[in-house]
Structure formats: C-alpha cells, structure tokens
Amino acid sequence: MKPTKQQRLHRVVKLLETKAVGSQTHLVELLAAEGIDATQATVSRDLEELGALKVRLPGGDTAYALPELPSHQVAPEDHLRRVLGDWVVEVDHSTNLVVLRTPPGSAHVVGSALDRSGFPGVIGTVAGDDTVLVVASEQVGGATVASRLAGLSGIELPVRTGGSRSSTRA
C-alpha cells in the first residue's frame, strides 16, 4: 500500500529529527529503507513544504533541519538533548538571560527546539545566526536555566572569578 502524502511527510519529519540527513538522495534512501518509494523531485517538494533548511553541523558537514514545527508540538527531552548536544558550543548567563552560541546558521534550530520543549523556567527565545537569547523566568533565573541547558548540551558553564569573566567553548 502506498503511503499518503501526509504519511510520507510525517516520516520525513521523523527522519530529519533523528538522523543527520545531508542530501535529498540520502533522504530518498532512508525512505526506501522504510518501504516508502519517493523520487528526488518529490523529496525536494516535501522539504520545501516543510520549510526544511540546510544547517552547518559541528565539523563542517551540513544537514537538513526543521526550524519551525507547530507550536503546540512538544519536542521530547531526548530530541532537545540531541539538538543542544549537536549545535550548542557555549552557554553563558546573566540575571534572567541565557546566551547559547552555535555554529553560524544553526541558532534557529536550537531556538525552535527549545521553544517546543516546554523547558522549565524558559519564557521564550530569540534566535539570530549563531546566537540564541533565552529569557528565563524571574523565579528560576538565568543561572539555573543556564546550568540545566549546559548539562543537556554536555558543556561546562563559564568560570567566574571576582569581577572578571572567562568563557568556555566546546
């Protein structure tokens, strides 16, 4: 039985969320492995419809990513951990703000995943090219949110001594 377009799109979304898909040909192969026959042209239209973008991964490779999914969808913590681990290279904070640094062109992916996650203490995010500004609630504060995000990212927070500051990049 041939899957419907919506079923195929759903599989494409799942593949992009769980695998580093670097080309349309790779995506066609992954779909074929799941019994879904799709041409490169079909996959190209699907990626465009989903708003998929090519982003640079740490190490220089590129992969398709979905920067925006419906806001009512919640990303599972494993997905958030994978996104943060793959793309966050530095975490810093101030009173109720957290700054996440990413490779160029990747901030929107991190911001979107964080927005969809319902992460405790996060009011919202603003993403640029390589920086995500995370606004923490006053009750939780930037230091706590930064510590939790750094833990999920697998990196250490900056060491602060006296009035000076030094940052740690992964």
Protein backbone atom coordinates (compact mmCIF):
# COMPACT_ATOMS: atom_id res chain seq x y z
CA MET A 1 0.00 0.00 0.00
CA LYS A 2 1.38 3.40 -0.99
CA PRO A 3 1.50 5.89 1.90
CA THR A 4 -0.41 9.15 1.61
CA LYS A 5 1.44 12.43 1.20
CA GLN A 6 0.79 13.29 4.85
CA GLN A 7 2.16 9.91 5.99
CA ARG A 8 5.27 10.47 3.86
CA LEU A 9 5.70 13.99 5.24
CA HIS A 10 5.38 12.61 8.77
CA ARG A 11 8.16 10.09 8.06
CA VAL A 12 10.35 12.83 6.58
CA VAL A 13 9.90 14.91 9.75
CA LYS A 14 10.78 11.92 11.94
CA LEU A 15 13.89 11.15 9.87
CA LEU A 16 15.09 14.77 10.00
CA GLU A 17 14.58 14.83 13.76
CA THR A 18 16.52 11.61 14.37
CA LYS A 19 19.21 11.47 11.68
CA ALA A 20 21.71 13.85 10.10
CA VAL A 21 20.29 13.89 6.57
CA GLY A 22 22.81 15.67 4.38
CA SER A 23 21.22 15.33 0.95
CA GLN A 24 17.96 14.67 -0.81
CA THR A 25 19.45 11.45 -2.20
CA HIS A 26 20.19 10.30 1.37
CA LEU A 27 16.59 11.07 2.36
CA VAL A 28 15.26 9.08 -0.63
CA GLU A 29 17.41 6.13 0.52
CA LEU A 30 16.20 6.40 4.14
CA LEU A 31 12.57 6.48 2.99
CA ALA A 32 13.16 3.47 0.71
CA ALA A 33 14.58 1.56 3.70
CA GLU A 34 11.22 2.16 5.40
CA GLY A 35 9.29 0.94 2.35
CA ILE A 36 8.37 4.40 1.07
CA ASP A 37 9.08 4.92 -2.61
CA ALA A 38 9.81 8.59 -3.36
CA THR A 39 11.76 10.34 -6.08
CA GLN A 40 14.32 13.08 -5.51
CA ALA A 41 11.86 15.59 -7.01
CA THR A 42 9.14 14.50 -4.55
CA VAL A 43 11.54 14.74 -1.62
CA SER A 44 12.62 18.20 -2.81
CA ARG A 45 8.99 19.39 -2.80
CA ASP A 46 8.41 17.78 0.63
CA LEU A 47 11.45 19.54 2.13
CA GLU A 48 10.29 22.87 0.70
CA GLU A 49 6.75 22.37 2.02
CA LEU A 50 8.09 21.51 5.49
CA GLY A 51 10.35 24.58 5.46
CA ALA A 52 13.46 22.45 5.91
CA LEU A 53 16.74 24.34 5.79
CA LYS A 54 20.32 23.19 5.39
CA VAL A 55 22.37 23.98 8.50
CA ARG A 56 26.05 23.56 9.20
CA LEU A 57 26.86 20.90 11.78
CA PRO A 58 29.89 20.99 14.07
CA GLY A 59 32.77 19.72 11.97
CA GLY A 60 31.57 21.44 8.81
CA ASP A 61 29.06 18.94 7.40
CA THR A 62 25.56 20.13 6.54
CA ALA A 63 22.18 18.55 7.24
CA TYR A 64 18.53 19.39 6.77
CA ALA A 65 16.70 20.70 9.82
CA LEU A 66 13.17 21.83 10.56
CA PRO A 67 13.39 25.24 12.23
CA GLU A 68 9.69 25.58 12.91
CA LEU A 69 7.13 22.96 13.70
CA PRO A 70 3.67 23.72 15.04
CA SER A 71 3.99 25.45 18.39
CA HIS A 72 1.60 23.01 20.06
CA GLN A 73 4.00 20.16 19.38
CA VAL A 74 6.37 19.43 22.23
CA ALA A 75 9.83 18.11 21.50
CA PRO A 76 10.79 15.17 23.71
CA GLU A 77 13.74 15.73 26.04
CA ASP A 78 15.89 13.29 24.04
CA HIS A 79 15.33 15.41 20.93
CA LEU A 80 16.25 18.57 22.86
CA ARG A 81 19.36 16.87 24.27
CA ARG A 82 20.41 15.83 20.75
CA VAL A 83 19.84 19.31 19.29
CA LEU A 84 21.67 21.04 22.14
CA GLY A 85 24.49 18.49 22.07
CA ASP A 86 24.90 18.83 18.31
CA TRP A 87 24.68 22.61 17.98
CA VAL A 88 25.40 24.45 21.24
CA VAL A 89 29.08 25.34 21.64
CA GLU A 90 28.89 27.85 24.50
CA VAL A 91 26.49 28.75 27.30
CA ASP A 92 26.63 31.93 29.38
CA HIS A 93 24.13 33.79 31.55
CA SER A 94 23.16 36.97 33.33
CA THR A 95 20.37 37.70 35.79
CA ASN A 96 17.44 36.16 33.88
CA LEU A 97 19.07 35.79 30.46
CA VAL A 98 20.96 32.88 28.94
CA VAL A 99 23.06 33.11 25.79
CA LEU A 100 23.60 29.98 23.70
CA ARG A 101 26.24 30.13 20.95
CA THR A 102 26.01 27.85 17.91
CA PRO A 103 27.88 27.41 14.64
CA PRO A 104 26.81 30.00 12.04
CA GLY A 105 23.34 29.36 10.65
CA SER A 106 22.22 26.98 13.43
CA ALA A 107 20.70 29.22 16.11
CA HIS A 108 17.16 28.97 14.71
CA VAL A 109 17.19 25.17 15.06
CA VAL A 110 18.24 25.39 18.72
CA GLY A 111 15.73 28.16 19.46
CA SER A 112 12.87 26.28 17.84
CA ALA A 113 13.67 23.04 19.67
CA LEU A 114 13.88 24.91 22.97
CA ASP A 115 10.60 26.77 22.32
CA ARG A 116 8.80 23.48 21.56
CA SER A 117 10.27 21.65 24.53
CA GLY A 118 8.35 23.42 27.28
CA PHE A 119 11.66 23.64 29.16
CA PRO A 120 11.03 24.62 32.82
CA GLY A 121 11.84 28.25 33.57
CA VAL A 122 12.09 29.36 29.93
CA ILE A 123 9.72 32.14 28.89
CA GLY A 124 10.93 32.29 25.29
CA THR A 125 13.85 32.58 22.88
CA VAL A 126 15.15 34.93 20.20
CA ALA A 127 17.46 33.37 17.62
CA GLY A 128 19.94 35.12 15.38
CA ASP A 129 22.50 33.50 13.10
CA ASP A 130 24.82 31.96 15.71
CA THR A 131 23.29 33.11 19.00
CA VAL A 132 20.11 32.24 20.88
CA LEU A 133 18.94 34.57 23.64
CA VAL A 134 16.91 32.61 26.18
CA VAL A 135 14.70 34.55 28.60
CA ALA A 136 14.36 32.78 31.94
CA SER A 137 11.54 33.42 34.40
CA GLU A 138 12.38 35.57 37.42
CA GLN A 139 11.50 32.69 39.74
CA VAL A 140 14.01 30.30 38.15
CA GLY A 141 16.68 32.74 36.94
CA GLY A 142 19.35 32.68 34.28
CA ALA A 143 21.96 30.80 36.30
CA THR A 144 19.68 27.81 36.92
CA VAL A 145 18.41 27.63 33.33
CA ALA A 146 21.98 28.03 32.01
CA SER A 147 23.21 25.24 34.25
CA ARG A 148 20.45 22.88 33.09
CA LEU A 149 20.97 23.75 29.41
CA ALA A 150 24.74 23.35 29.72
CA GLY A 151 24.18 19.93 31.27
CA LEU A 152 21.94 18.86 28.38
CA SER A 153 24.48 20.29 25.92
CA GLY A 154 27.36 18.41 27.52
CA ILE A 155 29.45 21.54 28.09
CA GLU A 156 30.62 23.49 31.13
CA LEU A 157 29.47 26.93 32.16
CA PRO A 158 31.98 29.81 32.20
CA VAL A 159 34.13 30.09 35.28
CA ARG A 160 33.58 33.43 37.03
CA THR A 161 36.22 34.84 39.35
CA GLY A 162 35.97 38.22 41.04
CA GLY A 163 34.79 40.84 38.57
CA SER A 164 36.24 39.16 35.51
CA ARG A 165 34.68 36.59 33.32
CA SER A 166 36.08 33.84 31.16
CA SER A 167 34.04 31.70 28.86
CA THR A 168 34.42 28.09 27.88
CA ARG A 169 33.88 26.99 24.30
CA ALA A 170 33.46 23.35 23.38
